[in-house]
Protein backbone atom coordinates (compact mmCIF):
# COMPACT_ATOMS: atom_id res chain seq x y z
CA MET A 1 156.78 107.55 155.91
CA ILE A 2 158.68 106.62 159.08
CA PRO A 3 156.64 106.97 162.28
CA PRO A 4 157.97 109.33 164.96
CA ALA A 5 160.43 107.64 167.32
CA ASP A 6 158.08 108.01 170.28
CA LYS A 7 155.10 106.36 168.54
CA PRO A 8 155.13 102.58 169.08
CA ILE A 9 155.10 100.41 166.00
CA GLU A 10 152.15 98.05 165.70
CA VAL A 11 152.89 94.41 164.90
CA HIS A 12 151.18 91.05 164.86
CA LEU A 13 153.09 88.06 166.22
CA PHE A 14 151.90 84.55 165.32
CA THR A 15 153.60 81.73 167.24
CA ASP A 16 153.55 77.98 167.61
CA GLY A 17 155.60 75.24 169.16
CA GLY A 18 155.32 71.49 169.20
CA CYS A 19 157.03 68.17 169.72
CA SER A 20 157.12 64.69 168.32
CA GLY A 21 156.49 63.00 171.64
CA ASN A 22 156.33 65.04 174.83
CA PRO A 23 159.16 65.18 175.69
CA GLY A 24 160.81 64.60 172.37
CA PRO A 25 162.28 66.49 169.43
CA GLY A 26 160.63 69.90 169.32
CA GLY A 27 160.30 72.96 167.15
CA TRP A 28 159.15 76.55 167.52
CA ALA A 29 158.25 79.18 164.94
CA PHE A 30 156.92 82.69 164.58
CA ILE A 31 155.71 85.13 161.97
CA LEU A 32 156.19 88.79 162.80
CA ARG A 33 154.11 91.19 160.70
CA HIS A 34 154.77 94.94 160.68
CA LEU A 35 151.26 96.33 160.20
CA PRO A 36 152.04 99.70 158.57
CA SER A 37 154.08 98.07 155.77
CA ASP A 38 152.62 94.52 155.87
CA LYS A 39 156.23 93.17 155.78
CA GLU A 40 156.83 89.85 157.51
CA ILE A 41 159.66 87.82 158.96
CA GLU A 42 159.46 84.10 159.63
CA GLN A 43 161.84 82.29 161.97
CA SER A 44 161.99 78.84 163.48
CA GLY A 45 164.27 76.59 165.46
CA GLY A 46 164.29 73.35 167.34
CA SER A 47 165.74 71.18 170.06
CA PRO A 48 166.49 67.44 170.10
CA LYS A 49 164.70 66.85 173.44
CA THR A 50 162.15 69.25 174.85
CA THR A 51 158.44 69.67 175.60
CA ASN A 52 155.48 71.27 173.84
CA ASN A 53 155.20 73.97 176.50
CA ARG A 54 158.89 74.90 176.23
CA MET A 55 158.59 75.26 172.46
CA GLU A 56 155.41 77.36 172.74
CA LEU A 57 157.21 79.70 175.15
CA GLU A 58 160.38 79.79 173.06
CA ALA A 59 158.42 80.91 169.99
CA VAL A 60 156.95 83.89 171.85
CA VAL A 61 160.27 84.86 173.45
CA GLN A 62 162.12 84.63 170.14
CA GLY A 63 159.48 86.69 168.35
CA LEU A 64 159.43 89.45 170.95
CA GLN A 65 163.24 89.52 171.17
CA THR A 66 163.38 90.17 167.43
CA LEU A 67 161.73 93.57 167.90
CA LYS A 68 164.34 96.34 168.01
CA ARG A 69 162.26 98.92 169.88
CA PRO A 70 159.09 99.05 171.99
CA CYS A 71 156.02 97.96 170.06
CA HIS A 72 152.31 97.38 170.43
CA VAL A 73 152.07 93.65 169.76
CA GLU A 74 149.04 91.49 169.23
CA LEU A 75 150.15 87.93 169.98
CA PHE A 76 148.21 85.19 168.23
CA THR A 77 148.81 81.72 169.66
CA ASP A 78 146.92 78.48 170.14
CA SER A 79 148.76 77.92 173.44
CA VAL A 80 146.47 78.37 176.43
CA TYR A 81 149.56 77.66 178.56
CA VAL A 82 151.32 80.77 177.22
CA GLY A 83 148.19 82.92 177.30
CA LYS A 84 147.14 82.06 180.85
CA GLY A 85 150.75 82.18 181.98
CA MET A 86 151.17 85.74 180.69
CA THR A 87 147.81 87.08 181.80
CA GLU A 88 146.99 85.15 185.00
CA TRP A 89 149.80 83.06 186.43
CA MET A 90 152.97 85.13 185.97
CA PRO A 91 151.97 88.01 188.31
CA LYS A 92 151.28 85.47 191.09
CA TRP A 93 154.50 83.56 190.42
CA LYS A 94 156.55 86.74 190.58
CA ALA A 95 154.89 87.79 193.84
CA ASN A 96 155.77 84.33 195.25
CA GLY A 97 159.42 84.43 194.13
CA TRP A 98 158.73 82.41 190.95
CA LYS A 99 156.96 79.70 192.89
CA ARG A 100 153.52 78.19 192.28
CA LYS A 101 151.09 76.55 194.63
CA GLU A 102 151.02 72.77 194.41
CA LYS A 103 149.20 70.62 196.97
CA GLY A 104 149.11 73.51 199.45
CA LYS A 105 152.85 74.22 199.20
CA LEU A 106 154.99 76.49 197.05
CA ALA A 107 156.89 74.63 194.32
CA PRO A 108 159.22 75.89 191.59
CA VAL A 109 157.55 77.15 188.41
CA LYS A 110 158.06 74.74 185.53
CA ASN A 111 160.12 76.27 182.70
CA GLU A 112 161.10 79.10 185.06
CA GLU A 113 164.04 80.35 182.96
CA LEU A 114 161.79 80.73 179.90
CA TRP A 115 159.07 82.50 181.89
CA LYS A 116 161.71 84.90 183.24
CA ARG A 117 162.97 85.60 179.72
CA LEU A 118 159.37 86.20 178.61
CA ASP A 119 158.79 88.50 181.57
CA GLU A 120 161.89 90.49 180.62
CA VAL A 121 160.85 91.02 177.00
CA LEU A 122 157.26 91.80 178.00
CA GLN A 123 158.56 94.81 179.94
CA ARG A 124 159.56 96.47 176.63
CA HIS A 125 156.29 95.98 174.76
CA ARG A 126 152.56 96.34 175.17
CA VAL A 127 151.27 92.86 174.34
CA LYS A 128 147.69 91.79 173.79
CA TYR A 129 147.09 88.03 173.85
CA THR A 130 144.62 86.60 171.32
CA ARG A 131 143.93 82.88 171.35
CA VAL A 132 143.40 81.13 168.05
CA ALA A 133 142.18 77.57 167.66
CA GLY A 134 144.95 75.28 166.49
CA HIS A 135 144.55 73.34 163.24
CA SER A 136 141.41 75.29 162.39
CA GLY A 137 142.32 76.81 159.05
CA HIS A 138 143.80 80.03 160.47
CA PRO A 139 146.42 80.74 157.75
CA GLU A 140 149.18 82.17 159.95
CA ASN A 141 148.65 79.58 162.69
CA ASP A 142 148.79 76.82 160.12
CA ARG A 143 152.01 78.32 158.69
CA VAL A 144 153.81 78.57 162.06
CA ASP A 145 152.72 75.00 162.84
CA GLU A 146 154.23 73.89 159.53
CA LEU A 147 157.49 75.75 160.31
CA ALA A 148 157.69 74.32 163.85
CA VAL A 149 157.15 70.76 162.58
CA ALA A 150 159.81 71.26 159.89
CA ALA A 151 162.21 72.54 162.59
CA TYR A 152 162.01 69.32 164.62
CA GLN A 153 161.98 66.95 161.64
CA LYS A 154 165.79 67.06 161.48
CA TYR A 155 165.96 65.46 164.94
CA LEU A 156 163.79 62.44 164.05
């Protein structure tokens, strides 16, 4: 049965990003699970020179951009950077013109273009952040880690 068009779809999004060196070759990956049907999509990609934080952000942005209509999303990530950024830092950065406080002055937000892309896709969805411990035997987190590592292997 197809849900009514006005009822948001519920999905789980598992993400990870990483690098070999920081900066260095990097990869990102996500698993998107449609809860009513239990169907999943896996995607990954990489960059020859990047950082862990950029790849963590890219995984979330790519996963959320894959959704075709507004959804209720539970985001599972081991990235405290992404989680705190979404829930604590981003509202302050936006209020300060995408600047952050550093040594008593306002400085540009690192990875600003990715944070802005994330902010844009967050406007379409209701997202709940759930932190998972990395490399702890969480099956989906282990899988996205494996996909992200495979994505940067081609650049080594």
